Amino acid sequence: MSDEPSRLALLQFLRRMQQQDLARTDRWIAAEEKRLAAEADRLPPLPPPDWLIEHGIGVGRSPVRVHVGDCWDTRSRCLPADRDTARRAIAEGVEACTHCRPDTALGVLD
């Protein structure tokens, strides 16, 4: 008699491996469904502010640019501002972002 497993034994082994893989995939699916459900339960993100003022680096952190609230070119050094504050900053010489053009949106053009 041969010491090698029979074809039937090999197919049964393959079936057990595939069942284990399927069980692992089912666990992954359950974990992802749980993660998605938890994400859906979170509060929706707040809408962006109407205006942002970007501040420089270092002591004093003076304003360096004004942005429209949903501008793609903002940095982490931005603080929300109201319309009057953004308008005043541009009037005082703070640069307007060249991408979102807050000066146009605020009606403050040279």
C-alpha atoms as a PDB file:
ATOM      1  CA  MET A   1       0.000   0.000   0.000  1.00  0.00           C
ATOM      2  CA  SER A   2       1.236   3.513  -0.829  1.00  0.00           C
ATOM      3  CA  ASP A   3       2.019   6.148   1.839  1.00  0.00           C
ATOM      4  CA  GLU A   4       0.713   8.878  -0.452  1.00  0.00           C
ATOM      5  CA  PRO A   5      -2.787  10.217   0.260  1.00  0.00           C
ATOM      6  CA  SER A   6      -5.537   9.140  -2.076  1.00  0.00           C
ATOM      7  CA  ARG A   7      -7.159  11.517  -4.507  1.00  0.00           C
ATOM      8  CA  LEU A   8     -10.280  11.464  -2.331  1.00  0.00           C
ATOM      9  CA  ALA A   9      -8.276  12.426   0.776  1.00  0.00           C
ATOM     10  CA  LEU A  10      -6.679  15.315  -1.123  1.00  0.00           C
ATOM     11  CA  LEU A  11     -10.073  16.587  -2.296  1.00  0.00           C
ATOM     12  CA  GLN A  12     -11.435  16.371   1.263  1.00  0.00           C
ATOM     13  CA  PHE A  13      -8.407  18.312   2.502  1.00  0.00           C
ATOM     14  CA  LEU A  14      -9.014  20.960  -0.188  1.00  0.00           C
ATOM     15  CA  ARG A  15     -12.661  21.219   0.881  1.00  0.00           C
ATOM     16  CA  ARG A  16     -11.667  21.797   4.530  1.00  0.00           C
ATOM     17  CA  MET A  17      -9.205  24.524   3.485  1.00  0.00           C
ATOM     18  CA  GLN A  18     -11.833  26.228   1.339  1.00  0.00           C
ATOM     19  CA  GLN A  19     -14.361  26.104   4.195  1.00  0.00           C
ATOM     20  CA  GLN A  20     -11.807  27.756   6.481  1.00  0.00           C
ATOM     21  CA  ASP A  21     -11.131  30.427   3.863  1.00  0.00           C
ATOM     22  CA  LEU A  22     -14.858  31.020   3.435  1.00  0.00           C
ATOM     23  CA  ALA A  23     -15.343  31.303   7.212  1.00  0.00           C
ATOM     24  CA  ARG A  24     -12.496  33.826   7.406  1.00  0.00           C
ATOM     25  CA  THR A  25     -14.029  35.827   4.530  1.00  0.00           C
ATOM     26  CA  ASP A  26     -17.396  35.790   6.311  1.00  0.00           C
ATOM     27  CA  ARG A  27     -15.703  37.210   9.443  1.00  0.00           C
ATOM     28  CA  TRP A  28     -14.089  39.955   7.360  1.00  0.00           C
ATOM     29  CA  ILE A  29     -17.459  40.808   5.792  1.00  0.00           C
ATOM     30  CA  ALA A  30     -19.124  40.950   9.218  1.00  0.00           C
ATOM     31  CA  ALA A  31     -16.365  43.209  10.565  1.00  0.00           C
ATOM     32  CA  GLU A  32     -16.660  45.546   7.557  1.00  0.00           C
ATOM     33  CA  GLU A  33     -20.452  45.701   7.892  1.00  0.00           C
ATOM     34  CA  LYS A  34     -20.021  46.567  11.566  1.00  0.00           C
ATOM     35  CA  ARG A  35     -17.478  49.285  10.707  1.00  0.00           C
ATOM     36  CA  LEU A  36     -19.773  50.775   8.052  1.00  0.00           C
ATOM     37  CA  ALA A  37     -22.740  50.751  10.448  1.00  0.00           C
ATOM     38  CA  ALA A  38     -20.680  52.563  13.104  1.00  0.00           C
ATOM     39  CA  GLU A  39     -19.538  55.105  10.506  1.00  0.00           C
ATOM     40  CA  ALA A  40     -23.143  55.729   9.426  1.00  0.00           C
ATOM     41  CA  ASP A  41     -24.139  56.363  13.068  1.00  0.00           C
ATOM     42  CA  ARG A  42     -21.640  59.211  13.391  1.00  0.00           C
ATOM     43  CA  LEU A  43     -22.844  62.751  12.986  1.00  0.00           C
ATOM     44  CA  PRO A  44     -22.503  64.204   9.503  1.00  0.00           C
ATOM     45  CA  PRO A  45     -19.511  66.508   9.060  1.00  0.00           C
ATOM     46  CA  LEU A  46     -20.077  70.182   9.669  1.00  0.00           C
ATOM     47  CA  PRO A  47     -20.317  72.341   6.575  1.00  0.00           C
ATOM     48  CA  PRO A  48     -17.211  74.405   5.864  1.00  0.00           C
ATOM     49  CA  PRO A  49     -17.200  77.989   7.131  1.00  0.00           C
ATOM     50  CA  ASP A  50     -17.925  80.697   4.588  1.00  0.00           C
ATOM     51  CA  TRP A  51     -14.438  82.210   4.892  1.00  0.00           C
ATOM     52  CA  LEU A  52     -11.028  81.133   6.196  1.00  0.00           C
ATOM     53  CA  ILE A  53      -8.016  83.160   7.199  1.00  0.00           C
ATOM     54  CA  GLU A  54      -4.700  81.344   6.902  1.00  0.00           C
ATOM     55  CA  HIS A  55      -2.084  82.320   9.467  1.00  0.00           C
ATOM     56  CA  GLY A  56       1.685  82.155   9.170  1.00  0.00           C
ATOM     57  CA  ILE A  57       4.087  80.072  11.204  1.00  0.00           C
ATOM     58  CA  GLY A  58       5.708  81.229  14.419  1.00  0.00           C
ATOM     59  CA  VAL A  59       5.165  83.764  17.145  1.00  0.00           C
ATOM     60  CA  GLY A  60       2.347  86.177  16.452  1.00  0.00           C
ATOM     61  CA  ARG A  61       1.074  84.132  13.516  1.00  0.00           C
ATOM     62  CA  SER A  62      -0.145  87.027  11.423  1.00  0.00           C
ATOM     63  CA  PRO A  63      -2.697  86.421   8.638  1.00  0.00           C
ATOM     64  CA  VAL A  64      -1.135  85.545   5.297  1.00  0.00           C
ATOM     65  CA  ARG A  65      -4.066  84.590   3.027  1.00  0.00           C
ATOM     66  CA  VAL A  66      -7.846  84.719   2.893  1.00  0.00           C
ATOM     67  CA  HIS A  67      -9.789  81.782   1.411  1.00  0.00           C
ATOM     68  CA  VAL A  68     -13.359  80.904   0.550  1.00  0.00           C
ATOM     69  CA  GLY A  69     -14.458  78.264   3.090  1.00  0.00           C
ATOM     70  CA  ASP A  70     -14.356  75.279   0.729  1.00  0.00           C
ATOM     71  CA  CYS A  71     -11.058  76.166  -0.998  1.00  0.00           C
ATOM     72  CA  TRP A  72      -8.909  73.127  -1.828  1.00  0.00           C
ATOM     73  CA  ASP A  73      -5.666  75.027  -1.197  1.00  0.00           C
ATOM     74  CA  THR A  74      -6.042  75.628   2.537  1.00  0.00           C
ATOM     75  CA  ARG A  75      -3.562  74.564   5.200  1.00  0.00           C
ATOM     76  CA  SER A  76      -3.997  73.441   8.792  1.00  0.00           C
ATOM     77  CA  ARG A  77      -3.250  76.988   9.954  1.00  0.00           C
ATOM     78  CA  CYS A  78      -6.643  78.334   8.846  1.00  0.00           C
ATOM     79  CA  LEU A  79      -9.270  79.725  11.168  1.00  0.00           C
ATOM     80  CA  PRO A  80     -12.913  80.393  10.269  1.00  0.00           C
ATOM     81  CA  ALA A  81     -13.910  83.997   9.754  1.00  0.00           C
ATOM     82  CA  ASP A  82     -17.107  85.901   9.098  1.00  0.00           C
ATOM     83  CA  ARG A  83     -17.663  87.988   5.974  1.00  0.00           C
ATOM     84  CA  ASP A  84     -16.692  91.307   7.591  1.00  0.00           C
ATOM     85  CA  THR A  85     -13.464  89.932   9.051  1.00  0.00           C
ATOM     86  CA  ALA A  86     -12.440  88.393   5.716  1.00  0.00           C
ATOM     87  CA  ARG A  87     -13.301  91.598   3.865  1.00  0.00           C
ATOM     88  CA  ARG A  88     -11.350  93.716   6.372  1.00  0.00           C
ATOM     89  CA  ALA A  89      -8.312  91.408   6.115  1.00  0.00           C
ATOM     90  CA  ILE A  90      -8.194  91.802   2.336  1.00  0.00           C
ATOM     91  CA  ALA A  91      -8.666  95.570   2.641  1.00  0.00           C
ATOM     92  CA  GLU A  92      -5.739  95.666   5.087  1.00  0.00           C
ATOM     93  CA  GLY A  93      -3.458  93.949   2.578  1.00  0.00           C
ATOM     94  CA  VAL A  94      -3.754  90.248   3.437  1.00  0.00           C
ATOM     95  CA  GLU A  95      -3.321  88.289   0.208  1.00  0.00           C
ATOM     96  CA  ALA A  96      -6.412  86.737  -1.379  1.00  0.00           C
ATOM     97  CA  CYS A  97      -6.010  83.104  -2.458  1.00  0.00           C
ATOM     98  CA  THR A  98      -5.402  82.936  -6.201  1.00  0.00           C
ATOM     99  CA  HIS A  99      -7.355  79.672  -6.504  1.00  0.00           C
ATOM    100  CA  CYS A 100     -10.673  80.406  -4.781  1.00  0.00           C
ATOM    101  CA  ARG A 101     -10.610  84.204  -5.293  1.00  0.00           C
ATOM    102  CA  PRO A 102     -12.300  85.382  -2.077  1.00  0.00           C
ATOM    103  CA  ASP A 103     -11.738  88.988  -3.136  1.00  0.00           C
ATOM    104  CA  THR A 104     -14.093  88.436  -6.080  1.00  0.00           C
ATOM    105  CA  ALA A 105     -16.655  86.637  -3.928  1.00  0.00           C
ATOM    106  CA  LEU A 106     -16.504  89.428  -1.341  1.00  0.00           C
ATOM    107  CA  GLY A 107     -16.633  92.178  -3.941  1.00  0.00           C
ATOM    108  CA  VAL A 108     -13.266  93.594  -2.805  1.00  0.00           C
ATOM    109  CA  LEU A 109     -11.280  94.095  -5.998  1.00  0.00           C
ATOM    110  CA  ASP A 110      -8.488  96.588  -6.568  1.00  0.00           C
END
